Amino acid sequence: MIQTIETERFRLVPPSMDCLPIYEQFYMNAEASKMYGGPLDKSQVLARLKADLGSWYLMGFGVWVIQSKLDGSYLGSCGFWQGADWPTELTWWVTADARGQGVATETSLAVINFAYEHWNWHKVETYMNDDNAAARALVMKLGGEKVRRELFPDGLSRDIYLFPKR
């Protein structure tokens, strides 16, 4: 069973078919999803949602969907992802209209703490493409420390950031 995480303003809930509209809103928007392989068509978005849910069953971790406690709306996702031959990473995305409100900051801190406290992970890391300035700014805000640079299976090198245990 996938645990729900609660923050002051949000619930982090398991992915479900109820989340498909927010996935479509994000992944079918070229500008919003450009750092996440988008835009995607409807069948690819559904496959992405299935992969996010399947990760929990195959890997024992995954992303939660961010739900507002105020009105129950879905705003994005936050959690952990690992592709074949890629390192495990903290990842997040929020819809364009939810940006700039601290959604990614509040939920990322919650899942970092969850990984350390409930799963007893020894490290929580993330990475991003070099030109993803918004992600890099959030990582700095969260206290991420650059620990190395790695060549990835897609041929790109990326900085790896470690988050402190709080």
Protein backbone atom coordinates (compact mmCIF):
# COMPACT_ATOMS: atom_id res chain seq x y z
CA MET A 1 0.00 0.00 0.00
CA ILE A 2 1.32 3.43 -0.95
CA GLN A 3 1.30 5.80 2.00
CA THR A 4 -0.20 9.25 1.70
CA ILE A 5 1.96 12.15 2.89
CA GLU A 6 0.41 15.31 4.30
CA THR A 7 1.96 18.75 4.43
CA GLU A 8 0.40 21.95 5.69
CA ARG A 9 -1.33 22.66 2.37
CA PHE A 10 -1.13 19.45 0.36
CA ARG A 11 -1.80 15.74 0.30
CA LEU A 12 0.59 13.55 -1.68
CA VAL A 13 -1.56 10.67 -2.91
CA PRO A 14 -0.90 7.58 -5.05
CA PRO A 15 -1.37 8.01 -8.80
CA SER A 16 -4.75 6.82 -10.09
CA MET A 17 -6.98 7.19 -13.14
CA ASP A 18 -8.54 10.20 -11.39
CA CYS A 19 -5.20 11.95 -12.04
CA LEU A 20 -5.26 11.44 -15.81
CA PRO A 21 -6.70 14.91 -16.58
CA ILE A 22 -3.89 16.69 -14.69
CA TYR A 23 -1.30 14.47 -16.42
CA GLU A 24 -2.85 15.39 -19.77
CA GLN A 25 -2.89 19.09 -18.86
CA PHE A 26 0.82 18.98 -18.03
CA TYR A 27 2.30 16.50 -20.50
CA MET A 28 0.32 17.65 -23.55
CA ASN A 29 1.46 21.26 -22.97
CA ALA A 30 4.69 21.69 -24.96
CA GLU A 31 6.06 24.54 -22.84
CA ALA A 32 5.19 23.03 -19.47
CA SER A 33 6.54 19.54 -20.24
CA LYS A 34 9.59 20.34 -22.39
CA MET A 35 12.02 19.26 -19.62
CA TYR A 36 10.06 16.02 -19.13
CA GLY A 37 10.08 14.68 -22.68
CA GLY A 38 6.91 16.47 -23.74
CA PRO A 39 4.72 17.22 -25.34
CA LEU A 40 3.13 13.78 -25.32
CA ASP A 41 -0.01 12.55 -27.05
CA LYS A 42 -2.94 11.05 -25.10
CA SER A 43 -1.72 7.45 -25.34
CA GLN A 44 1.77 8.46 -24.19
CA VAL A 45 0.31 10.40 -21.25
CA LEU A 46 -1.66 7.35 -20.15
CA ALA A 47 1.51 5.24 -20.46
CA ARG A 48 3.33 7.80 -18.27
CA LEU A 49 0.63 7.59 -15.59
CA LYS A 50 0.78 3.78 -15.74
CA ALA A 51 4.58 3.90 -15.41
CA ASP A 52 4.33 6.20 -12.40
CA LEU A 53 1.91 3.83 -10.67
CA GLY A 54 3.85 0.74 -11.77
CA SER A 55 7.07 2.10 -10.28
CA TRP A 56 5.58 1.67 -6.81
CA TYR A 57 4.96 -2.02 -7.43
CA LEU A 58 8.18 -2.80 -9.29
CA MET A 59 10.66 -0.55 -7.48
CA GLY A 60 9.04 0.09 -4.10
CA PHE A 61 9.00 3.86 -4.68
CA GLY A 62 7.56 6.36 -7.13
CA VAL A 63 5.86 9.71 -7.43
CA TRP A 64 2.85 10.91 -5.53
CA VAL A 65 0.27 13.21 -7.07
CA ILE A 66 -0.02 16.58 -5.33
CA GLN A 67 -3.55 17.36 -4.17
CA SER A 68 -4.63 20.67 -2.66
CA LYS A 69 -6.19 20.33 0.78
CA LEU A 70 -8.14 23.52 0.07
CA ASP A 71 -10.24 22.26 -2.85
CA GLY A 72 -9.07 18.72 -3.68
CA SER A 73 -7.62 19.74 -7.05
CA TYR A 74 -4.54 18.02 -8.44
CA LEU A 75 -1.54 20.28 -9.04
CA GLY A 76 1.30 18.02 -10.21
CA SER A 77 3.51 15.23 -8.90
CA CYS A 78 6.48 14.83 -6.60
CA GLY A 79 8.49 11.80 -5.59
CA PHE A 80 11.16 9.47 -6.93
CA TRP A 81 11.90 8.09 -10.36
CA GLN A 82 14.52 5.78 -11.82
CA GLY A 83 14.84 4.82 -15.45
CA ALA A 84 16.83 1.83 -16.71
CA ASP A 85 20.53 2.44 -15.95
CA TRP A 86 19.76 5.89 -14.48
CA PRO A 87 20.29 6.89 -10.83
CA THR A 88 17.26 7.33 -8.57
CA GLU A 89 16.19 10.95 -8.43
CA LEU A 90 13.84 13.26 -6.62
CA THR A 91 11.53 14.61 -9.30
CA TRP A 92 8.56 16.93 -9.45
CA TRP A 93 6.36 18.85 -11.84
CA VAL A 94 3.52 21.27 -11.24
CA THR A 95 1.03 22.76 -13.64
CA ALA A 96 1.70 26.23 -15.01
CA ASP A 97 -1.05 27.83 -12.91
CA ALA A 98 0.34 26.27 -9.68
CA ARG A 99 3.89 27.53 -10.17
CA GLY A 100 5.37 30.25 -8.00
CA GLN A 101 3.25 29.28 -4.97
CA GLY A 102 5.74 27.04 -3.15
CA VAL A 103 4.03 23.81 -4.21
CA ALA A 104 7.23 22.08 -5.38
CA THR A 105 9.21 23.35 -2.40
CA GLU A 106 6.74 22.19 0.25
CA THR A 107 6.11 18.79 -1.33
CA SER A 108 9.77 18.12 -2.18
CA LEU A 109 10.81 18.76 1.42
CA ALA A 110 8.11 16.32 2.56
CA VAL A 111 9.22 13.51 0.25
CA ILE A 112 12.92 14.04 1.01
CA ASN A 113 12.13 13.74 4.73
CA PHE A 114 9.89 10.73 4.06
CA ALA A 115 12.69 8.90 2.23
CA TYR A 116 15.15 9.49 5.06
CA GLU A 117 12.75 8.88 7.96
CA HIS A 118 10.43 6.12 6.70
CA TRP A 119 12.50 4.27 4.14
CA ASN A 120 15.84 4.86 5.90
CA TRP A 121 17.52 5.90 2.67
CA HIS A 122 21.14 6.92 3.11
CA LYS A 123 20.96 9.53 0.38
CA VAL A 124 18.43 11.48 -1.65
CA GLU A 125 19.71 12.94 -4.90
CA THR A 126 18.47 14.70 -7.99
CA TYR A 127 19.77 15.92 -11.33
CA MET A 128 18.51 17.93 -14.27
CA ASN A 129 19.56 19.08 -17.71
CA ASP A 130 22.08 21.91 -17.54
CA ASP A 131 19.64 24.38 -19.12
CA ASN A 132 16.86 23.74 -16.58
CA ALA A 133 17.40 26.90 -14.52
CA ALA A 134 14.07 26.60 -12.67
CA ALA A 135 14.88 23.10 -11.39
CA ARG A 136 18.39 24.16 -10.39
CA ALA A 137 16.97 27.13 -8.44
CA LEU A 138 14.58 24.85 -6.55
CA VAL A 139 17.36 22.39 -5.76
CA MET A 140 19.42 25.24 -4.29
CA LYS A 141 16.41 26.43 -2.28
CA LEU A 142 16.01 22.89 -0.89
CA GLY A 143 19.66 22.84 0.23
CA GLY A 144 20.95 20.56 -2.52
CA GLU A 145 24.73 20.27 -2.69
CA LYS A 146 26.49 19.40 -5.93
CA VAL A 147 28.44 16.20 -5.26
CA ARG A 148 29.51 15.02 -8.72
CA ARG A 149 28.94 15.17 -12.44
CA GLU A 150 27.90 12.03 -14.32
CA LEU A 151 27.52 10.90 -17.92
CA PHE A 152 23.99 9.54 -18.44
CA PRO A 153 22.70 6.83 -20.81
CA ASP A 154 21.33 9.53 -23.15
CA GLY A 155 24.88 10.84 -23.71
CA LEU A 156 24.42 14.03 -21.65
CA SER A 157 26.41 14.90 -18.53
CA ARG A 158 24.50 16.24 -15.54
CA ASP A 159 25.34 17.54 -12.08
CA ILE A 160 24.15 15.33 -9.23
CA TYR A 161 22.87 17.08 -6.09
CA LEU A 162 22.57 15.54 -2.64
CA PHE A 163 19.90 16.73 -0.22
CA PRO A 164 20.76 16.91 3.47
CA LYS A 165 18.95 14.81 6.02
CA ARG A 166 16.96 17.22 8.22
